[in-house]
Protein backbone atom coordinates (compact mmCIF):
# COMPACT_ATOMS: atom_id res chain seq x y z
CA MET A 1 -19.19 164.06 -103.06
CA GLN A 2 -20.53 163.89 -99.48
CA LEU A 3 -20.46 160.36 -97.96
CA ASP A 4 -22.05 160.98 -94.86
CA LYS A 5 -22.26 163.77 -92.21
CA GLY A 6 -19.04 165.39 -91.84
CA ILE A 7 -17.21 163.55 -94.40
CA GLN A 8 -16.84 164.31 -98.25
CA MET A 9 -14.64 162.71 -100.83
CA LEU A 10 -13.06 165.87 -103.25
CA GLN A 11 -12.36 165.70 -106.63
CA VAL A 12 -8.98 167.37 -107.86
CA SER A 13 -8.26 166.98 -111.65
CA SER A 14 -5.99 168.37 -114.16
CA ASN A 15 -3.89 167.52 -117.64
CA ILE A 16 -0.76 165.90 -116.64
CA MET A 17 1.76 164.85 -119.34
CA GLY A 18 -1.26 165.42 -121.95
CA GLN A 19 -3.74 163.10 -119.81
CA THR A 20 -6.73 164.40 -117.40
CA GLU A 21 -6.01 162.59 -114.12
CA SER A 22 -7.87 163.33 -111.11
CA ILE A 23 -6.97 162.08 -107.29
CA HIS A 24 -9.48 162.30 -104.41
CA PRO A 25 -8.16 163.83 -101.42
CA THR A 26 -10.29 163.43 -98.46
CA LEU A 27 -12.69 166.13 -96.01
CA MET A 28 -13.67 165.60 -92.66
CA TRP A 29 -14.72 168.21 -90.02
CA ASP A 30 -16.97 168.58 -87.24
CA GLU A 31 -17.91 171.92 -84.66
CA ASP A 32 -14.29 172.05 -83.75
CA ASN A 33 -11.96 170.51 -86.54
CA MET A 34 -11.62 170.46 -90.43
CA ILE A 35 -9.30 167.59 -91.21
CA LEU A 36 -7.99 167.14 -94.75
CA VAL A 37 -6.31 163.77 -95.92
CA ASP A 38 -3.67 164.40 -98.42
CA THR A 39 -2.81 167.33 -100.58
CA ALA A 40 -2.76 166.82 -104.32
CA TYR A 41 0.49 167.79 -106.55
CA PRO A 42 2.56 170.37 -106.52
CA GLY A 43 1.04 173.44 -107.94
CA GLN A 44 -2.66 172.67 -107.02
CA LEU A 45 -3.30 174.58 -104.24
CA SER A 46 -6.14 176.83 -106.06
CA LEU A 47 -7.69 173.30 -107.58
CA LEU A 48 -7.67 172.00 -104.11
CA HIS A 49 -9.22 175.43 -102.62
CA GLU A 50 -11.98 175.08 -105.63
CA ALA A 51 -12.67 171.80 -104.54
CA ILE A 52 -13.05 172.53 -100.74
CA LEU A 53 -14.97 175.85 -101.34
CA SER A 54 -17.66 173.55 -103.12
CA THR A 55 -18.53 171.75 -99.88
CA GLY A 56 -19.40 174.80 -98.38
CA LEU A 57 -16.02 175.04 -96.63
CA ASN A 58 -12.92 177.09 -96.83
CA LEU A 59 -9.19 175.84 -96.93
CA HIS A 60 -8.26 178.41 -94.78
CA ASN A 61 -10.09 177.23 -91.83
CA LEU A 62 -8.29 173.70 -91.76
CA THR A 63 -7.05 172.48 -88.25
CA SER A 64 -5.15 169.09 -89.40
CA ILE A 65 -4.01 167.44 -92.41
CA ILE A 66 -3.01 163.88 -92.21
CA ILE A 67 -0.48 162.33 -94.29
CA THR A 68 -1.40 158.74 -95.78
CA HIS A 69 2.17 158.77 -97.34
CA GLN A 70 5.46 160.25 -98.79
CA ASP A 71 4.33 160.27 -102.48
CA LEU A 72 4.61 163.77 -104.41
CA ASP A 73 1.19 163.70 -105.46
CA HIS A 74 -0.09 163.27 -101.87
CA ILE A 75 2.22 166.10 -100.16
CA GLY A 76 2.75 168.25 -103.24
CA SER A 77 0.43 171.15 -101.86
CA LEU A 78 1.25 170.76 -98.05
CA ALA A 79 3.72 173.44 -97.78
CA ASP A 80 1.52 175.65 -99.59
CA ILE A 81 -1.63 175.03 -97.60
CA ILE A 82 0.19 175.77 -94.54
CA GLN A 83 1.45 178.85 -95.83
CA ALA A 84 -1.95 180.10 -96.94
CA SER A 85 -3.99 178.60 -93.34
CA SER A 86 -5.35 181.51 -91.19
CA SER A 87 -4.14 179.98 -88.03
CA PRO A 88 -1.63 177.00 -87.22
CA VAL A 89 -2.18 173.43 -88.59
CA GLN A 90 -1.31 170.11 -86.97
CA VAL A 91 0.15 167.71 -89.53
CA PHE A 92 0.04 164.44 -88.76
CA ALA A 93 2.10 161.51 -90.31
CA SER A 94 3.76 158.01 -89.40
CA SER A 95 7.04 158.40 -87.90
CA ILE A 96 8.34 156.41 -90.78
CA GLU A 97 7.17 158.60 -93.31
CA LYS A 98 7.95 162.18 -91.49
CA PRO A 99 11.60 162.72 -92.35
CA TYR A 100 10.87 162.24 -95.82
CA ILE A 101 7.62 164.33 -95.77
CA GLN A 102 9.96 167.06 -94.44
CA GLY A 103 12.97 166.39 -96.71
CA ASP A 104 15.10 165.10 -94.21
CA LYS A 105 15.51 162.46 -96.75
CA GLN A 106 15.06 162.36 -100.58
CA LEU A 107 11.66 160.69 -101.57
CA ILE A 108 12.33 157.18 -101.57
CA LYS A 109 10.95 156.67 -105.24
CA LEU A 110 12.50 159.70 -106.61
CA THR A 111 15.31 158.02 -107.40
CA PRO A 112 18.03 159.89 -110.23
CA GLU A 113 17.26 156.81 -111.87
CA ALA A 114 13.34 157.43 -111.71
CA ILE A 115 13.57 161.02 -112.31
CA ALA A 116 15.41 160.80 -115.68
CA GLN A 117 12.91 158.12 -116.95
CA ALA A 118 9.93 160.53 -115.79
CA VAL A 119 11.61 163.34 -117.56
CA SER A 120 12.19 161.41 -120.67
CA SER A 121 8.97 159.94 -120.97
CA MET A 122 7.44 163.66 -121.19
CA PRO A 123 6.12 164.28 -124.89
CA GLU A 124 8.32 166.05 -127.10
CA SER A 125 5.89 168.66 -127.51
CA VAL A 126 6.68 170.11 -123.89
CA PRO A 127 8.74 172.87 -123.81
CA VAL A 128 12.11 173.13 -122.47
CA GLU A 129 11.46 175.30 -119.95
CA TRP A 130 8.48 173.30 -118.65
CA ARG A 131 10.37 170.30 -118.78
CA ASP A 132 13.33 171.66 -116.90
CA ALA A 133 11.05 173.08 -114.22
CA PHE A 134 9.75 169.16 -114.17
CA ARG A 135 12.95 167.90 -113.31
CA ARG A 136 13.63 170.38 -110.63
CA THR A 137 10.56 169.99 -108.68
CA LEU A 138 11.47 166.07 -108.84
CA GLU A 139 14.96 166.73 -107.67
CA ASN A 140 13.64 169.30 -105.08
CA PRO A 141 10.22 168.27 -103.93
CA PRO A 142 8.19 170.14 -101.64
CA LYS A 143 8.59 169.81 -97.86
CA ALA A 144 6.98 170.31 -94.78
CA ALA A 145 7.32 169.90 -91.37
CA VAL A 146 5.31 167.09 -89.53
CA ASN A 147 4.26 168.05 -86.02
CA SER A 148 2.43 165.06 -84.81
CA THR A 149 3.10 161.35 -85.60
CA ILE A 150 0.85 158.56 -85.20
CA ALA A 151 1.17 155.08 -84.82
CA ALA A 152 -0.98 152.18 -86.53
CA GLY A 153 -3.74 151.39 -84.02
CA GLU A 154 -4.05 154.92 -82.45
CA GLU A 155 -7.31 156.86 -82.49
CA LEU A 156 -7.12 160.63 -83.23
CA PRO A 157 -10.05 162.20 -81.09
CA PHE A 158 -11.74 164.51 -84.15
CA CYS A 159 -15.00 163.76 -85.98
CA GLY A 160 -16.01 161.15 -84.31
CA GLY A 161 -12.89 159.05 -84.14
CA ILE A 162 -10.25 158.67 -87.08
CA VAL A 163 -8.29 155.16 -86.65
CA ALA A 164 -4.90 154.75 -88.43
CA ILE A 165 -4.08 151.35 -90.08
CA ASN A 166 -0.92 149.93 -90.92
CA THR A 167 -1.06 148.99 -94.76
CA ALA A 168 2.87 149.50 -95.07
CA GLY A 169 4.22 148.24 -98.41
CA HIS A 170 3.35 151.15 -101.20
CA THR A 171 5.56 152.85 -99.15
CA PRO A 172 7.48 151.87 -95.46
CA GLY A 173 5.21 153.58 -93.75
CA HIS A 174 2.17 153.92 -95.23
CA LEU A 175 -1.03 154.47 -93.18
CA SER A 176 -4.98 154.20 -93.99
CA PHE A 177 -7.84 155.89 -92.16
CA TYR A 178 -11.11 154.31 -90.87
CA HIS A 179 -13.64 157.20 -89.99
CA LYS A 180 -15.66 155.50 -87.51
CA THR A 181 -19.20 157.17 -87.69
CA SER A 182 -19.32 157.23 -91.73
CA GLN A 183 -17.72 153.43 -91.38
CA THR A 184 -15.36 154.79 -94.51
CA LEU A 185 -12.17 153.78 -95.04
CA ILE A 186 -9.57 156.21 -96.58
CA ALA A 187 -7.24 154.04 -98.32
CA GLY A 188 -4.62 156.46 -99.52
CA ASP A 189 -2.39 153.78 -102.37
CA ALA A 190 -3.19 150.90 -100.36
CA LEU A 191 -6.03 149.82 -102.77
CA ASN A 192 -7.60 151.48 -105.95
CA VAL A 193 -10.81 151.46 -107.73
CA VAL A 194 -10.66 150.71 -111.74
CA SER A 195 -13.69 150.64 -113.70
CA GLY A 196 -15.86 150.96 -110.64
CA GLU A 197 -13.78 147.70 -109.09
CA LEU A 198 -11.86 147.68 -105.83
CA GLN A 199 -8.57 146.63 -106.93
CA GLY A 200 -5.07 145.74 -104.81
CA PRO A 201 -2.06 147.72 -104.54
CA ASP A 202 -0.21 148.31 -108.15
CA PRO A 203 3.23 146.31 -107.89
CA LEU A 204 4.46 148.54 -110.02
CA TYR A 205 4.27 151.62 -108.04
CA CYS A 206 4.87 149.61 -104.08
CA HIS A 207 8.21 149.75 -102.73
CA ASP A 208 7.41 146.48 -101.57
CA PHE A 209 4.49 144.56 -103.15
CA ASN A 210 4.57 141.63 -101.09
CA MET A 211 3.96 143.55 -97.92
CA ALA A 212 1.54 146.05 -99.44
CA LYS A 213 -0.63 143.07 -99.68
CA GLU A 214 0.09 141.54 -96.57
CA SER A 215 -0.64 144.38 -94.78
CA LEU A 216 -4.18 144.66 -96.03
CA LYS A 217 -4.99 141.82 -93.79
CA ASN A 218 -5.32 144.81 -91.20
CA LEU A 219 -8.25 146.07 -92.51
CA LEU A 220 -10.39 143.01 -92.44
CA PRO A 221 -11.33 143.46 -88.86
CA TYR A 222 -13.12 146.76 -89.48
CA ASP A 223 -16.53 147.38 -90.58
CA ILE A 224 -16.07 148.95 -93.74
CA LYS A 225 -19.27 150.44 -95.92
CA LYS A 226 -17.21 152.70 -97.98
CA VAL A 227 -13.88 152.91 -99.13
CA VAL A 228 -12.42 155.90 -100.86
CA CYS A 229 -9.05 155.35 -102.95
CA PHE A 230 -7.17 158.45 -103.95
CA HIS A 231 -6.87 156.70 -107.43
CA GLY A 232 -10.00 155.62 -108.65
CA GLY A 233 -12.39 157.31 -106.16
CA LEU A 234 -15.25 155.69 -104.37
CA TYR A 235 -16.21 152.07 -103.91
CA GLU A 236 -19.53 151.08 -102.09
CA GLY A 237 -19.85 147.44 -102.54
CA ASN A 238 -19.20 144.60 -100.42
CA CYS A 239 -16.24 146.12 -99.10
CA HIS A 240 -15.03 143.50 -96.23
CA GLN A 241 -15.78 140.64 -99.03
CA ARG A 242 -14.02 142.00 -101.45
CA ILE A 243 -10.87 143.11 -99.69
CA SER A 244 -10.84 139.57 -98.32
CA GLU A 245 -10.55 138.54 -102.08
CA ILE A 246 -7.62 140.66 -102.88
CA CYS A 247 -5.97 139.32 -99.75
CA GLU A 248 -6.49 135.77 -100.66
CA SER A 249 -5.93 136.07 -104.85
């Protein structure tokens, strides 16, 4: 879905553990740059490529990738994209998230207990070899180098300006991004859209829920007309009012 000139919300859908799940990376571009925000699950390179081709652009022409945070559905195809690209790709993330994305530290939510629970929750019909492959992916998640760190408040001089905003809490170094020319917030997992309504972070998936909710106040100074949530997609209501309500609830 094209949101404005030079920015498109992608949709990547697949069957995960018996249910269809859709996620929404964001693509931005100008005459010299093509930037992808978040990279989908491991093994979804072809689906991501198809989503980008549908916009008339090509995955192989990416110049930069921005990672909002370390979770597997956001970094899963990062290494595959870099390998498939026809030229070097600049990878941005916060300095806090960088060691997790690079594999210097284990992803914070993939504890042995969490991995065991995830594997045990798979349907009994899943073949043993698939179950084992799933466990191996969780125990040894894909990793890739982050060659540029970005701090909250910093503006990337691409595509009319992309401002990093501190929305820590879902993970310790989670960043959201504000695309200035379209007044679009790329929220990562700081916010969610559920049944068409903008909702706050889900406490079940937050490293620190209180921090995640408190950090949403950092969004209020921005004139946001659209919100892209990785889970749930696009929200176009009164964004400022709705975010204020979430902060106060």
